[in-house]
Amino acid sequence: MKVYKSDQIRNIALIGNAGSGKTTLAEAMLFEGGVINRRGDVNSKNTVSDYNAIEQGFGNSVFSSVLYTECNEKKINILDTPGMDDLCGSVVASLEVTGLGLMVINTSNGVEAGTEAAGRHADKTNTPLVFVFNQLDHENTNFDQALDQCRSSFGKKVTVVQYPVDAGPGFSSIIDVLKMKMFKYGPDGGKPEILDIPESEIEKAGELHNELVEMAAENEEALMELYFDKGSLTEDEMRQGMKLGMLQRDLFPVFCTCAKKNIGVGRLLEFISNIAPAPAEIPMRKVIKGREVKMEEGEKPSIFVFKTSIESHVGEITYFKVMSGKITEGLDLINSKNGNKERLSQIFVSAGKNRTKVTEMVAGDIGCTVKLKDTKYNSTLSEKGDEIEFVPIDYPGPRIDIAIKAVNDADDEKVGEVLSRIKYEDPTYIVGYSKELKQLIVKGQGEYHLNILKWIFDNVYKIDIEFKTPKIPYRETITKAEQNRLITATKNNRAEQGNSERCTC
């Protein structure tokens, strides 16, 4: 595979409510970029992203998947995240290492609970957003209503770049007010026919174009002066202003897709390759130990581990972002947490469970490796003598707890071992043994989160477990009257002991 330079890399996270079509969109993106030659389907359980048995069993994403595609000589790393808020740990970690969030909206449902939750996580990580209005071929789709809801929840910064002409079961055409063209797709999507905007849409498209020009011009004084002088901006000038607005989180562009039919996906990728921030254009992750680090290829090498997973027949897979310099096969680095040396014997780019071996990766890229000895999520690896440590990902705290016990007492030790592995794959599980209650307590994000834990024990490790309500610790409180009685009794006992000692009988 081609080795991309830092300025040729884009990192995006697909976020949004469950059922909005994130995994299907990821599949279409890989197909558009030529990474796969046939699109899978969520219902057929053959997508690149949802390859894990538990995801195929539950019918939706459970873990984040690391993918990539290519467009316009750019490599676009894609992190497809779960939509259930119980699985928010993957969303937070993905936003921490990418430079752009694609908020996928099911236009039949508009803003949902998962949309708002993902928005809060994006706010916390200060991640720029693009809104992708998906599933525009559904019978009950309503673009205008979904747009109003997004603006109500996220503000007027939600700005139309595209809108559908014929949303509904016959959906095939999109008006692009940045290019001021209509994209018309065939029954199988793919490459569109680019046409002039129909007479019936000229007025609406013109108004939206002017709104977009104004939003773009507001982000730089020089662009504002050009706008006042000329009354408009060129497409390249608009791109410049939009990029600045996105980086400042003052502009959230709206794009239209039907990922299942591959409508609008190629144009979305083109926009990402042209306007999405390169790794060096987003704020650098802060260090809590060592020197200041710059995301440049000429720097000393360092990587930040944001995800750990375990796969049968492979073992532990460590996913990382190259934070500085260049890494190569066989490179030795030091784990800043424990001082241990780790060798990157092999490095890969990942498309789900399919991993392609590469010889080197540069600052800003995302990849994975295997067979590290003692490096988990939130670890920093850097050269010996240049030990640095990046600020760790701050995961959401637990919202529910349960006591867990093996049905067969002989499996008690195995339960503890399994939980130790699982908490590295999903750090939002908190595991601890209560000596007071004499119970093993697992804390998680919700009932769905705990159901996933039960599924893993049942289907992966074949261990029967049961959940119980944690016991309530019972503590006696001594009342004032009882306290006085005990003091009096103690004094009397001491007096009697003293008399007994003085007795010469």
Protein backbone atom coordinates (compact mmCIF):
# COMPACT_ATOMS: atom_id res chain seq x y z
CA MET A 1 0.00 0.00 0.00
CA LYS A 2 1.13 3.56 -0.71
CA VAL A 3 2.77 5.43 2.17
CA TYR A 4 0.89 8.69 2.67
CA LYS A 5 2.41 11.92 3.97
CA SER A 6 0.88 13.68 6.97
CA ASP A 7 -0.84 16.32 4.85
CA GLN A 8 -2.48 13.56 2.79
CA ILE A 9 -4.22 11.98 5.78
CA ARG A 10 -7.73 12.70 7.07
CA ASN A 11 -9.20 11.11 10.22
CA ILE A 12 -12.97 10.95 10.72
CA ALA A 13 -15.37 9.34 13.20
CA LEU A 14 -18.88 8.23 12.23
CA ILE A 15 -21.18 9.10 15.13
CA GLY A 16 -24.93 9.29 15.72
CA ASN A 17 -27.93 7.32 16.93
CA ALA A 18 -28.21 3.56 16.45
CA GLY A 19 -29.96 2.79 13.18
CA SER A 20 -28.88 6.00 11.43
CA GLY A 21 -26.81 4.03 8.93
CA LYS A 22 -23.21 4.64 10.06
CA THR A 23 -22.00 1.13 9.24
CA THR A 24 -23.73 1.17 5.85
CA LEU A 25 -22.15 4.55 5.12
CA ALA A 26 -18.73 3.19 6.06
CA GLU A 27 -19.28 0.26 3.71
CA ALA A 28 -20.15 2.60 0.84
CA MET A 29 -17.08 4.72 1.57
CA LEU A 30 -14.79 1.69 1.35
CA PHE A 31 -16.48 0.66 -1.89
CA GLU A 32 -16.11 4.15 -3.38
CA GLY A 33 -12.41 4.15 -2.50
CA GLY A 34 -11.78 0.73 -4.02
CA VAL A 35 -10.84 -0.90 -0.70
CA ILE A 36 -13.63 -3.45 -1.28
CA ASN A 37 -15.19 -4.47 -4.60
CA ARG A 38 -18.57 -5.48 -3.24
CA ARG A 39 -20.74 -3.77 -0.65
CA GLY A 40 -21.92 -5.82 2.30
CA ASP A 41 -25.21 -5.37 4.11
CA VAL A 42 -26.02 -5.09 7.82
CA ASN A 43 -28.97 -7.48 7.50
CA SER A 44 -26.78 -10.02 5.68
CA LYS A 45 -24.16 -9.67 8.46
CA ASN A 46 -21.31 -9.29 5.99
CA THR A 47 -20.14 -5.69 6.42
CA VAL A 48 -16.46 -4.90 6.87
CA SER A 49 -17.16 -2.93 10.04
CA ASP A 50 -19.49 -5.22 12.01
CA TYR A 51 -17.37 -8.37 11.73
CA ASN A 52 -17.49 -9.37 15.39
CA ALA A 53 -19.82 -12.26 16.28
CA ILE A 54 -21.52 -10.24 19.01
CA GLU A 55 -22.30 -7.43 16.54
CA GLN A 56 -23.81 -9.89 14.11
CA GLY A 57 -25.80 -11.41 16.96
CA PHE A 58 -27.11 -8.09 18.30
CA GLY A 59 -27.62 -6.60 14.83
CA ASN A 60 -25.72 -3.37 15.51
CA SER A 61 -22.24 -2.06 16.25
CA VAL A 62 -20.88 -2.86 19.71
CA PHE A 63 -17.23 -1.83 19.31
CA SER A 64 -15.62 0.90 17.23
CA SER A 65 -14.12 -0.39 13.98
CA VAL A 66 -10.99 1.06 12.42
CA LEU A 67 -11.27 1.35 8.63
CA TYR A 68 -9.76 3.34 5.80
CA THR A 69 -10.52 4.41 2.26
CA GLU A 70 -8.82 6.53 -0.40
CA CYS A 71 -9.99 9.57 -2.37
CA ASN A 72 -8.18 12.25 -4.40
CA GLU A 73 -4.74 10.98 -3.35
CA LYS A 74 -5.78 11.19 0.30
CA LYS A 75 -6.03 8.40 2.85
CA ILE A 76 -9.17 8.73 4.96
CA ASN A 77 -9.09 6.80 8.23
CA ILE A 78 -12.65 6.00 9.38
CA LEU A 79 -13.70 5.03 12.90
CA ASP A 80 -17.21 3.58 12.83
CA THR A 81 -18.70 3.89 16.32
CA PRO A 82 -21.70 2.31 18.10
CA GLY A 83 -24.90 4.34 18.35
CA MET A 84 -26.18 3.09 21.71
CA ASP A 85 -25.30 5.50 24.50
CA ASP A 86 -24.42 2.51 26.72
CA LEU A 87 -21.43 2.05 24.38
CA CYS A 88 -20.25 5.65 24.63
CA GLY A 89 -16.67 4.69 25.51
CA SER A 90 -15.93 3.86 21.88
CA VAL A 91 -17.41 7.18 20.73
CA VAL A 92 -15.29 9.19 23.16
CA ALA A 93 -12.06 7.36 22.25
CA SER A 94 -12.75 7.74 18.52
CA LEU A 95 -13.40 11.48 18.77
CA GLU A 96 -10.19 11.90 20.79
CA VAL A 97 -8.00 10.69 17.91
CA THR A 98 -9.84 12.03 14.85
CA GLY A 99 -10.17 15.53 13.48
CA LEU A 100 -13.77 15.44 12.25
CA GLY A 101 -17.04 13.85 13.34
CA LEU A 102 -19.65 12.84 10.76
CA MET A 103 -22.97 13.08 12.60
CA VAL A 104 -25.21 10.65 10.70
CA ILE A 105 -28.94 11.48 10.86
CA ASN A 106 -31.80 9.15 9.97
CA THR A 107 -34.02 11.70 8.22
CA SER A 108 -37.12 9.70 9.07
CA ASN A 109 -36.44 10.19 12.78
CA GLY A 110 -34.44 13.43 12.93
CA VAL A 111 -32.57 14.20 16.14
CA GLU A 112 -32.68 11.23 18.53
CA ALA A 113 -31.27 10.53 21.98
CA GLY A 114 -28.10 9.05 20.47
CA THR A 115 -27.68 12.14 18.28
CA GLU A 116 -27.74 14.42 21.30
CA ALA A 117 -25.41 12.16 23.30
CA ALA A 118 -22.89 12.05 20.44
CA GLY A 119 -23.17 15.83 20.15
CA ARG A 120 -22.29 16.23 23.83
CA HIS A 121 -19.21 14.04 23.39
CA ALA A 122 -18.18 16.06 20.31
CA ASP A 123 -18.60 19.28 22.32
CA LYS A 124 -16.40 17.92 25.10
CA THR A 125 -13.63 16.92 22.67
CA ASN A 126 -14.11 20.13 20.64
CA THR A 127 -14.47 18.10 17.43
CA PRO A 128 -15.68 19.78 14.20
CA LEU A 129 -18.85 18.21 12.76
CA VAL A 130 -20.39 17.48 9.37
CA PHE A 131 -24.07 16.47 9.40
CA VAL A 132 -24.91 13.63 7.01
CA PHE A 133 -28.64 13.36 6.35
CA ASN A 134 -28.97 9.70 5.45
CA GLN A 135 -31.73 7.27 4.42
CA LEU A 136 -33.39 9.85 2.20
CA ASP A 137 -35.07 7.05 0.25
CA HIS A 138 -37.34 6.08 3.16
CA GLU A 139 -41.07 6.59 2.82
CA ASN A 140 -41.34 8.76 5.94
CA THR A 141 -38.18 10.79 5.38
CA ASN A 142 -38.49 14.51 6.10
CA PHE A 143 -35.41 16.60 5.30
CA ASP A 144 -36.83 19.97 6.37
CA GLN A 145 -38.09 18.66 9.70
CA ALA A 146 -34.76 16.94 10.43
CA LEU A 147 -32.93 20.17 9.55
CA ASP A 148 -35.13 22.20 11.92
CA GLN A 149 -34.49 19.71 14.72
CA CYS A 150 -30.72 19.81 14.14
CA ARG A 151 -30.73 23.60 14.24
CA SER A 152 -32.84 23.56 17.39
CA SER A 153 -30.35 21.19 19.09
CA PHE A 154 -27.04 22.41 17.61
CA GLY A 155 -27.73 25.99 16.55
CA LYS A 156 -27.84 27.98 13.32
CA LYS A 157 -24.29 26.86 12.56
CA VAL A 158 -25.91 23.78 10.93
CA THR A 159 -25.61 25.01 7.32
CA VAL A 160 -27.04 23.43 4.17
CA VAL A 161 -24.48 22.47 1.51
CA GLN A 162 -26.81 19.93 -0.09
CA TYR A 163 -30.54 19.29 -0.08
CA PRO A 164 -32.61 16.54 -1.75
CA VAL A 165 -34.88 17.21 -4.72
CA ASP A 166 -37.05 14.10 -4.49
CA ALA A 167 -36.68 12.64 -0.98
CA GLY A 168 -38.66 9.44 -0.57
CA PRO A 169 -38.75 6.00 -2.22
CA GLY A 170 -37.70 7.43 -5.60
CA PHE A 171 -34.82 9.51 -4.23
CA SER A 172 -32.15 10.10 -6.89
CA SER A 173 -31.20 13.81 -7.06
CA ILE A 174 -29.27 16.23 -4.82
CA ILE A 175 -28.76 19.97 -5.21
CA ASP A 176 -25.24 21.03 -4.18
CA VAL A 177 -25.24 24.75 -3.35
CA LEU A 178 -21.44 24.88 -2.99
CA LYS A 179 -20.93 23.77 -6.60
CA MET A 180 -24.37 25.05 -7.71
CA LYS A 181 -25.04 21.85 -9.60
CA MET A 182 -27.52 18.98 -9.40
CA PHE A 183 -26.20 15.45 -8.91
CA LYS A 184 -28.52 12.84 -10.42
CA TYR A 185 -27.95 9.16 -9.62
CA GLY A 186 -29.04 5.97 -11.29
CA PRO A 187 -30.84 3.08 -9.55
CA ASP A 188 -27.52 1.67 -8.27
CA GLY A 189 -26.03 4.97 -7.14
CA GLY A 190 -22.33 5.34 -7.83
CA LYS A 191 -21.11 8.02 -10.24
CA PRO A 192 -23.74 10.74 -10.72
CA GLU A 193 -24.70 12.75 -13.76
CA ILE A 194 -23.81 16.38 -12.99
CA LEU A 195 -26.48 18.71 -14.36
CA ASP A 196 -27.51 22.33 -14.21
CA ILE A 197 -29.97 23.13 -11.44
CA PRO A 198 -33.57 22.87 -12.72
CA GLU A 199 -35.50 26.12 -13.14
CA SER A 200 -37.89 25.10 -10.37
CA GLU A 201 -35.00 24.94 -7.85
CA ILE A 202 -32.96 27.98 -8.94
CA GLU A 203 -34.48 30.41 -6.43
CA LYS A 204 -34.16 28.07 -3.42
CA ALA A 205 -30.64 26.98 -4.37
CA GLY A 206 -29.59 30.62 -4.86
CA GLU A 207 -30.84 31.62 -1.41
CA LEU A 208 -29.03 28.70 0.25
CA HIS A 209 -25.89 29.46 -1.77
CA ASN A 210 -25.89 33.04 -0.50
CA GLU A 211 -26.34 31.82 3.09
CA LEU A 212 -23.37 29.48 2.65
CA VAL A 213 -21.23 32.26 1.15
CA GLU A 214 -22.02 34.52 4.12
CA MET A 215 -21.24 31.75 6.62
CA ALA A 216 -17.94 31.04 4.88
CA ALA A 217 -16.94 34.72 4.62
CA GLU A 218 -17.57 35.38 8.32
CA ASN A 219 -14.63 33.19 9.33
CA GLU A 220 -11.82 35.39 7.96
CA GLU A 221 -11.47 39.15 7.58
CA ALA A 222 -9.85 38.89 4.13
CA LEU A 223 -12.73 36.76 2.86
CA MET A 224 -15.25 39.19 4.29
CA GLU A 225 -13.58 42.05 2.39
CA LEU A 226 -13.66 40.00 -0.82
CA TYR A 227 -17.32 39.28 -0.24
CA PHE A 228 -18.12 42.97 0.25
CA ASP A 229 -16.12 43.92 -2.85
CA LYS A 230 -17.46 41.24 -5.22
CA GLY A 231 -20.77 40.33 -3.62
CA SER A 232 -19.79 36.65 -3.73
CA LEU A 233 -16.89 34.21 -3.36
CA THR A 234 -15.36 31.65 -5.70
CA GLU A 235 -15.72 27.95 -4.88
CA ASP A 236 -12.11 27.79 -3.64
CA GLU A 237 -12.64 30.87 -1.45
CA MET A 238 -15.79 29.32 -0.04
CA ARG A 239 -13.87 26.13 0.75
CA GLN A 240 -11.26 28.17 2.58
CA GLY A 241 -13.88 29.94 4.68
CA MET A 242 -15.81 26.76 5.35
CA LYS A 243 -12.67 25.00 6.56
CA LEU A 244 -11.91 27.81 8.98
CA GLY A 245 -15.50 27.78 10.19
CA MET A 246 -15.43 24.04 10.73
CA LEU A 247 -12.15 24.20 12.68
CA GLN A 248 -13.66 26.90 14.92
CA ARG A 249 -16.89 24.87 15.22
CA ASP A 250 -18.83 27.83 13.84
CA LEU A 251 -20.08 25.94 10.79
CA PHE A 252 -21.55 22.43 10.56
CA PRO A 253 -22.12 21.59 6.86
CA VAL A 254 -25.10 19.41 5.86
CA PHE A 255 -24.69 16.71 3.20
CA CYS A 256 -27.23 14.26 1.76
CA THR A 257 -26.81 10.51 1.25
CA CYS A 258 -28.58 7.25 0.79
CA ALA A 259 -25.70 5.03 1.87
CA LYS A 260 -27.56 1.81 1.09
CA LYS A 261 -27.84 2.80 -2.59
CA ASN A 262 -24.47 4.59 -2.62
CA ILE A 263 -26.07 7.95 -3.43
CA GLY A 264 -24.06 11.02 -2.45
CA VAL A 265 -21.21 9.09 -0.83
CA GLY A 266 -18.58 9.88 -3.47
CA ARG A 267 -19.32 13.61 -3.25
CA LEU A 268 -19.11 13.45 0.57
CA LEU A 269 -15.67 11.80 0.34
CA GLU A 270 -14.56 14.46 -2.14
CA PHE A 271 -15.59 17.17 0.33
CA ILE A 272 -13.72 15.43 3.17
CA SER A 273 -10.56 15.08 1.09
CA ASN A 274 -10.70 18.78 0.11
CA ILE A 275 -11.85 20.48 3.31
CA ALA A 276 -11.52 18.18 6.36
CA PRO A 277 -8.56 19.17 8.54
CA ALA A 278 -5.23 17.40 8.14
CA PRO A 279 -3.76 16.04 11.42
CA ALA A 280 -1.43 19.03 11.87
CA GLU A 281 -4.37 21.45 11.56
CA ILE A 282 -6.10 20.30 14.73
CA PRO A 283 -4.86 21.03 18.28
CA MET A 284 -2.11 18.66 19.40
CA ARG A 285 -2.85 16.30 22.26
CA LYS A 286 -1.38 17.64 25.48
CA VAL A 287 1.49 15.90 27.24
CA ILE A 288 1.59 15.27 30.97
CA LYS A 289 5.19 14.07 30.97
CA GLY A 290 8.17 15.05 28.86
CA ARG A 291 8.70 17.55 26.07
CA GLU A 292 6.17 19.35 23.90
CA VAL A 293 5.36 17.28 20.81
CA LYS A 294 4.57 18.54 17.30
CA MET A 295 2.69 16.47 14.75
CA GLU A 296 5.43 16.53 12.19
CA GLU A 297 7.19 13.79 10.23
CA GLY A 298 10.62 15.19 11.15
CA GLU A 299 10.01 14.81 14.89
CA LYS A 300 11.13 11.87 17.02
CA PRO A 301 8.59 9.02 16.83
CA SER A 302 5.76 8.64 19.33
CA ILE A 303 2.41 6.86 19.28
CA PHE A 304 -0.71 7.01 21.45
CA VAL A 305 -2.72 3.81 22.03
CA PHE A 306 -6.47 4.47 22.02
CA LYS A 307 -7.95 0.99 21.65
CA THR A 308 -7.15 -2.60 22.58
CA SER A 309 -9.04 -5.62 21.30
CA ILE A 310 -8.72 -9.39 21.47
CA GLU A 311 -9.48 -11.65 18.52
CA SER A 312 -9.41 -15.43 18.39
CA HIS A 313 -6.46 -16.86 16.43
CA VAL A 314 -4.77 -13.45 16.53
CA GLY A 315 -4.63 -12.44 20.18
CA GLU A 316 -4.35 -8.88 21.39
CA ILE A 317 -4.47 -6.11 18.77
CA THR A 318 -3.24 -2.65 19.71
CA TYR A 319 -4.64 0.33 17.79
CA PHE A 320 -2.68 3.58 17.82
CA LYS A 321 -2.31 7.03 16.31
CA VAL A 322 1.14 8.15 15.24
CA MET A 323 1.57 11.41 17.13
CA SER A 324 4.95 12.46 15.77
CA GLY A 325 7.76 11.35 13.49
CA LYS A 326 7.71 8.12 11.54
CA ILE A 327 7.43 4.52 12.72
CA THR A 328 8.78 1.48 10.91
CA GLU A 329 8.72 -2.29 11.28
CA GLY A 330 11.05 -3.52 14.01
CA LEU A 331 11.18 -0.17 15.82
CA ASP A 332 11.78 -0.36 19.58
CA LEU A 333 9.85 2.10 21.75
CA ILE A 334 9.44 2.61 25.49
CA ASN A 335 6.11 2.52 27.32
CA SER A 336 6.08 5.68 29.45
CA LYS A 337 3.76 4.11 32.05
CA ASN A 338 5.90 1.12 33.00
CA GLY A 339 9.26 1.73 31.32
CA ASN A 340 9.04 -1.52 29.35
CA LYS A 341 10.48 -1.82 25.87
CA GLU A 342 8.02 -2.73 23.11
CA ARG A 343 8.99 -3.80 19.60
CA LEU A 344 6.70 -2.95 16.67
CA SER A 345 7.49 -6.19 14.88
CA GLN A 346 4.68 -5.59 12.36
CA ILE A 347 2.47 -2.59 11.60
CA PHE A 348 -0.82 -2.66 9.72
CA VAL A 349 -3.54 -0.46 8.30
CA SER A 350 -6.92 -1.85 9.23
CA ALA A 351 -10.21 -2.36 7.43
CA GLY A 352 -12.18 -4.24 10.06
CA LYS A 353 -10.69 -7.68 10.50
CA ASN A 354 -8.71 -7.27 7.27
CA ARG A 355 -5.27 -5.87 8.00
CA THR A 356 -2.74 -4.83 5.37
CA LYS A 357 0.92 -4.89 6.36
CA VAL A 358 2.88 -1.68 5.75
CA THR A 359 6.54 -0.84 6.26
CA GLU A 360 6.11 2.62 7.75
CA MET A 361 3.54 5.15 8.98
CA VAL A 362 3.89 8.88 9.55
CA ALA A 363 2.55 11.46 12.00
CA GLY A 364 -1.24 11.66 11.96
CA ASP A 365 -1.88 8.17 10.60
CA ILE A 366 -3.85 5.47 12.40
CA GLY A 367 -2.81 1.82 12.43
CA CYS A 368 -2.42 -1.26 14.58
CA THR A 369 0.12 -3.81 15.70
CA VAL A 370 0.14 -7.17 17.49
CA LYS A 371 2.07 -9.04 20.16
CA LEU A 372 2.94 -6.13 22.41
CA LYS A 373 3.88 -7.37 25.87
CA ASP A 374 2.31 -4.92 28.28
CA THR A 375 0.74 -1.98 26.46
CA LYS A 376 -2.96 -1.21 26.77
CA TYR A 377 -5.24 1.71 25.91
CA ASN A 378 -4.12 5.18 27.06
CA SER A 379 -0.44 4.21 26.75
CA THR A 380 2.23 6.32 25.05
CA LEU A 381 5.22 4.75 23.31
CA SER A 382 8.27 6.84 22.43
CA GLU A 383 12.03 6.49 21.94
CA LYS A 384 14.34 5.56 24.80
CA GLY A 385 15.64 8.72 26.40
CA ASP A 386 12.70 10.69 25.01
CA GLU A 387 9.98 9.27 27.24
CA ILE A 388 6.81 11.31 26.96
CA GLU A 389 3.23 10.66 28.01
CA PHE A 390 0.09 12.07 26.45
CA VAL A 391 -2.94 12.99 28.52
CA PRO A 392 -5.19 9.91 28.80
CA ILE A 393 -8.70 9.63 27.39
CA ASP A 394 -11.25 10.59 30.02
CA TYR A 395 -13.96 7.93 29.81
CA PRO A 396 -17.49 8.49 31.14
CA GLY A 397 -18.12 7.22 34.66
CA PRO A 398 -20.43 4.23 35.34
CA ARG A 399 -24.17 4.61 35.77
CA ILE A 400 -25.20 1.14 36.98
CA ASP A 401 -23.64 -1.68 39.01
CA ILE A 402 -24.30 -5.38 39.43
CA ALA A 403 -22.84 -8.28 41.39
CA ILE A 404 -21.52 -11.09 39.21
CA LYS A 405 -20.87 -14.69 40.18
CA ALA A 406 -20.07 -17.93 38.41
CA VAL A 407 -22.87 -20.50 38.58
CA ASN A 408 -20.20 -23.14 39.13
CA ASP A 409 -17.87 -22.21 42.01
CA ALA A 410 -14.98 -23.82 40.15
CA ASP A 411 -15.25 -21.03 37.53
CA ASP A 412 -14.82 -18.18 40.01
CA GLU A 413 -11.17 -17.63 39.12
CA LYS A 414 -11.93 -17.75 35.38
CA VAL A 415 -14.59 -15.05 35.79
CA GLY A 416 -12.00 -12.71 37.26
CA GLU A 417 -9.56 -13.42 34.41
CA VAL A 418 -12.21 -12.78 31.76
CA LEU A 419 -13.27 -9.51 33.36
CA SER A 420 -9.63 -8.38 33.36
CA ARG A 421 -9.52 -8.88 29.59
CA ILE A 422 -12.89 -7.30 28.90
CA LYS A 423 -12.15 -4.09 30.80
CA TYR A 424 -9.15 -3.49 28.52
CA GLU A 425 -11.38 -3.76 25.45
CA ASP A 426 -14.03 -1.52 27.01
CA PRO A 427 -12.64 0.74 29.76
CA THR A 428 -16.14 1.88 30.75
CA TYR A 429 -16.54 -1.44 32.59
CA ILE A 430 -15.24 -0.93 36.15
CA VAL A 431 -14.48 -4.16 38.02
CA GLY A 432 -13.76 -4.57 41.72
CA TYR A 433 -14.18 -6.98 44.62
CA SER A 434 -16.00 -5.66 47.68
CA LYS A 435 -14.48 -7.20 50.82
CA GLU A 436 -17.33 -5.77 52.87
CA LEU A 437 -20.05 -7.34 50.69
CA LYS A 438 -17.94 -10.34 49.66
CA GLN A 439 -19.15 -9.80 46.09
CA LEU A 440 -17.50 -9.18 42.72
CA ILE A 441 -19.01 -5.90 41.47
CA VAL A 442 -19.11 -4.75 37.85
CA LYS A 443 -20.09 -1.18 37.04
CA GLY A 444 -21.24 -0.20 33.56
CA GLN A 445 -23.16 2.28 31.46
CA GLY A 446 -26.58 0.62 31.53
CA GLU A 447 -28.62 -2.55 31.17
CA TYR A 448 -27.68 -2.99 27.50
CA HIS A 449 -24.01 -2.70 28.44
CA LEU A 450 -24.39 -5.47 31.03
CA ASN A 451 -26.32 -7.66 28.57
CA ILE A 452 -23.32 -7.49 26.25
CA LEU A 453 -21.12 -8.66 29.13
CA LYS A 454 -23.43 -11.64 29.70
CA TRP A 455 -23.35 -12.49 25.98
CA ILE A 456 -19.53 -12.52 26.00
CA PHE A 457 -19.42 -14.92 28.95
CA ASP A 458 -22.06 -17.20 27.40
CA ASN A 459 -20.83 -17.30 23.82
CA VAL A 460 -17.10 -16.52 23.83
CA TYR A 461 -15.84 -18.01 27.09
CA LYS A 462 -18.65 -20.54 27.68
CA ILE A 463 -18.89 -19.69 31.38
CA ASP A 464 -22.28 -19.63 33.10
CA ILE A 465 -22.63 -16.53 35.24
CA GLU A 466 -25.46 -14.91 37.11
CA PHE A 467 -26.16 -11.30 37.94
CA LYS A 468 -27.39 -10.34 41.38
CA THR A 469 -28.37 -7.06 42.99
CA PRO A 470 -25.40 -5.89 45.10
CA LYS A 471 -25.95 -6.30 48.82
CA ILE A 472 -26.55 -3.22 50.93
CA PRO A 473 -23.91 -2.88 53.69
CA TYR A 474 -25.56 -2.91 57.12
CA ARG A 475 -23.92 -0.81 59.81
CA GLU A 476 -25.23 -0.32 63.39
CA THR A 477 -25.35 3.22 64.76
CA ILE A 478 -24.96 3.68 68.51
CA THR A 479 -27.52 6.14 69.91
CA LYS A 480 -26.56 8.77 72.49
CA ALA A 481 -28.48 6.99 75.27
CA GLU A 482 -26.80 3.67 74.49
CA GLN A 483 -23.44 5.40 74.32
CA ASN A 484 -23.93 6.85 77.83
CA ARG A 485 -25.02 3.44 79.13
CA LEU A 486 -21.88 1.80 77.72
CA ILE A 487 -19.63 4.49 79.28
CA THR A 488 -21.27 4.02 82.70
CA ALA A 489 -20.98 0.23 82.46
CA THR A 490 -17.31 0.50 81.53
CA LYS A 491 -16.58 2.75 84.52
CA ASN A 492 -18.35 0.35 86.90
CA ASN A 493 -16.39 -2.61 85.51
CA ARG A 494 -13.10 -0.78 86.01
CA ALA A 495 -14.10 0.11 89.62
CA GLU A 496 -14.95 -3.49 90.41
CA GLN A 497 -11.63 -4.64 88.93
CA GLY A 498 -9.79 -2.11 91.11
CA ASN A 499 -11.53 -3.29 94.30
CA SER A 500 -10.73 -6.88 93.43
CA GLU A 501 -7.03 -6.11 93.04
CA ARG A 502 -6.89 -4.37 96.47
CA CYS A 503 -8.56 -7.31 98.24
CA THR A 504 -6.09 -9.23 100.53
CA CYS A 505 -8.40 -12.13 101.27
